[in-house]
């Protein structure tokens, strides 16, 4: 696969990942409305996304699609974790 196609594939993966993490919004709203959920899964997602975002940004040749794909996971995973308590 050539570099252009790999870049397109990376950004498609980024968009799909963002959609996946935005799906935490209903869970966060439910938590805020008193329908508490278990905190472990969003906490694990937060930690995982933090590691992958750091990896993408700390590489010598930055991997922006990887970092962008995981940044929403940090934000929404952390919000879902905090509101679960």
C-alpha atoms as a PDB file:
ATOM      1  CA  UNK A   1       0.000   0.000   0.000  1.00  0.00           C
ATOM      2  CA  UNK A   2       1.437   3.389  -0.924  1.00  0.00           C
ATOM      3  CA  UNK A   3       1.951   6.255   1.539  1.00  0.00           C
ATOM      4  CA  UNK A   4      -1.100   8.226   0.345  1.00  0.00           C
ATOM      5  CA  UNK A   5      -3.444   5.271   0.854  1.00  0.00           C
ATOM      6  CA  UNK A   6      -1.948   4.563   4.279  1.00  0.00           C
ATOM      7  CA  UNK A   7      -2.558   8.177   5.262  1.00  0.00           C
ATOM      8  CA  UNK A   8      -6.200   7.957   4.120  1.00  0.00           C
ATOM      9  CA  UNK A   9      -6.611   4.689   6.020  1.00  0.00           C
ATOM     10  CA  UNK A  10      -5.137   6.314   9.124  1.00  0.00           C
ATOM     11  CA  UNK A  11      -7.579   9.212   9.012  1.00  0.00           C
ATOM     12  CA  UNK A  12     -10.544   6.879   8.405  1.00  0.00           C
ATOM     13  CA  UNK A  13      -9.473   4.964  11.504  1.00  0.00           C
ATOM     14  CA  UNK A  14      -9.228   8.261  13.366  1.00  0.00           C
ATOM     15  CA  UNK A  15     -12.782   9.256  12.439  1.00  0.00           C
ATOM     16  CA  UNK A  16     -14.142   5.854  13.483  1.00  0.00           C
ATOM     17  CA  UNK A  17     -12.255   6.008  16.763  1.00  0.00           C
ATOM     18  CA  UNK A  18     -13.637   9.461  17.555  1.00  0.00           C
ATOM     19  CA  UNK A  19     -17.163   8.179  16.875  1.00  0.00           C
ATOM     20  CA  UNK A  20     -16.513   5.258  19.229  1.00  0.00           C
ATOM     21  CA  UNK A  21     -15.399   7.497  22.090  1.00  0.00           C
ATOM     22  CA  UNK A  22     -18.154  10.052  21.553  1.00  0.00           C
ATOM     23  CA  UNK A  23     -20.511   7.149  22.314  1.00  0.00           C
ATOM     24  CA  UNK A  24     -19.589   7.719  25.975  1.00  0.00           C
ATOM     25  CA  UNK A  25     -21.766  10.852  25.969  1.00  0.00           C
ATOM     26  CA  UNK A  26     -25.045   8.958  26.710  1.00  0.00           C
ATOM     27  CA  UNK A  27     -23.282   7.082  29.537  1.00  0.00           C
ATOM     28  CA  UNK A  28     -22.027  10.365  30.992  1.00  0.00           C
ATOM     29  CA  UNK A  29     -25.515  11.893  30.764  1.00  0.00           C
ATOM     30  CA  UNK A  30     -26.997   8.792  32.413  1.00  0.00           C
ATOM     31  CA  UNK A  31     -24.421   8.980  35.199  1.00  0.00           C
ATOM     32  CA  UNK A  32     -25.236  12.641  35.783  1.00  0.00           C
ATOM     33  CA  UNK A  33     -28.954  11.768  35.911  1.00  0.00           C
ATOM     34  CA  UNK A  34     -28.366   9.224  38.687  1.00  0.00           C
ATOM     35  CA  UNK A  35     -28.128   6.046  36.576  1.00  0.00           C
ATOM     36  CA  UNK A  36     -24.572   5.218  37.650  1.00  0.00           C
ATOM     37  CA  UNK A  37     -22.535   2.735  35.627  1.00  0.00           C
ATOM     38  CA  UNK A  38     -19.394   0.790  36.495  1.00  0.00           C
ATOM     39  CA  UNK A  39     -16.252   2.919  36.207  1.00  0.00           C
ATOM     40  CA  UNK A  40     -13.663   0.296  35.239  1.00  0.00           C
ATOM     41  CA  UNK A  41     -14.188   0.127  31.450  1.00  0.00           C
ATOM     42  CA  UNK A  42     -13.976   3.893  30.816  1.00  0.00           C
ATOM     43  CA  UNK A  43     -10.998   4.100  33.204  1.00  0.00           C
ATOM     44  CA  UNK A  44      -9.197   1.383  31.228  1.00  0.00           C
ATOM     45  CA  UNK A  45     -10.034   3.213  27.987  1.00  0.00           C
ATOM     46  CA  UNK A  46      -8.649   6.461  29.442  1.00  0.00           C
ATOM     47  CA  UNK A  47      -5.351   4.818  30.409  1.00  0.00           C
ATOM     48  CA  UNK A  48      -5.073   3.013  27.066  1.00  0.00           C
ATOM     49  CA  UNK A  49      -5.790   6.181  25.087  1.00  0.00           C
ATOM     50  CA  UNK A  50      -3.312   8.189  27.161  1.00  0.00           C
ATOM     51  CA  UNK A  51      -0.573   5.706  26.349  1.00  0.00           C
ATOM     52  CA  UNK A  52      -1.402   5.642  22.618  1.00  0.00           C
ATOM     53  CA  UNK A  53      -1.687   9.431  22.384  1.00  0.00           C
ATOM     54  CA  UNK A  54       1.667   9.823  24.130  1.00  0.00           C
ATOM     55  CA  UNK A  55       3.218   7.249  21.817  1.00  0.00           C
ATOM     56  CA  UNK A  56       1.921   9.023  18.712  1.00  0.00           C
ATOM     57  CA  UNK A  57       3.164  12.423  19.843  1.00  0.00           C
ATOM     58  CA  UNK A  58       6.501  11.322  21.289  1.00  0.00           C
ATOM     59  CA  UNK A  59       7.676   9.401  18.227  1.00  0.00           C
ATOM     60  CA  UNK A  60      10.427  11.069  16.226  1.00  0.00           C
ATOM     61  CA  UNK A  61       8.102  11.106  13.202  1.00  0.00           C
ATOM     62  CA  UNK A  62       4.829  12.195  14.831  1.00  0.00           C
ATOM     63  CA  UNK A  63       1.787  10.010  14.226  1.00  0.00           C
ATOM     64  CA  UNK A  64      -0.993  12.591  14.287  1.00  0.00           C
ATOM     65  CA  UNK A  65      -3.833  10.284  13.173  1.00  0.00           C
ATOM     66  CA  UNK A  66      -2.997   7.928  16.047  1.00  0.00           C
ATOM     67  CA  UNK A  67      -2.887  10.760  18.575  1.00  0.00           C
ATOM     68  CA  UNK A  68      -6.064  12.367  17.228  1.00  0.00           C
ATOM     69  CA  UNK A  69      -7.877   9.021  17.303  1.00  0.00           C
ATOM     70  CA  UNK A  70      -7.123   8.529  20.979  1.00  0.00           C
ATOM     71  CA  UNK A  71      -7.452  12.059  22.371  1.00  0.00           C
ATOM     72  CA  UNK A  72     -11.289  11.886  22.567  1.00  0.00           C
ATOM     73  CA  UNK A  73     -10.897   8.604  24.448  1.00  0.00           C
ATOM     74  CA  UNK A  74      -8.939  10.403  27.138  1.00  0.00           C
ATOM     75  CA  UNK A  75     -11.503  13.173  27.447  1.00  0.00           C
ATOM     76  CA  UNK A  76     -14.717  11.150  27.264  1.00  0.00           C
ATOM     77  CA  UNK A  77     -13.289   8.140  29.126  1.00  0.00           C
ATOM     78  CA  UNK A  78     -12.196  10.389  31.966  1.00  0.00           C
ATOM     79  CA  UNK A  79     -15.581  12.123  32.068  1.00  0.00           C
ATOM     80  CA  UNK A  80     -17.395   8.762  32.092  1.00  0.00           C
ATOM     81  CA  UNK A  81     -15.106   7.520  34.876  1.00  0.00           C
ATOM     82  CA  UNK A  82     -15.556  10.616  37.040  1.00  0.00           C
ATOM     83  CA  UNK A  83     -19.323  10.776  36.603  1.00  0.00           C
ATOM     84  CA  UNK A  84     -19.676   7.060  37.456  1.00  0.00           C
ATOM     85  CA  UNK A  85     -18.907   7.842  41.108  1.00  0.00           C
END
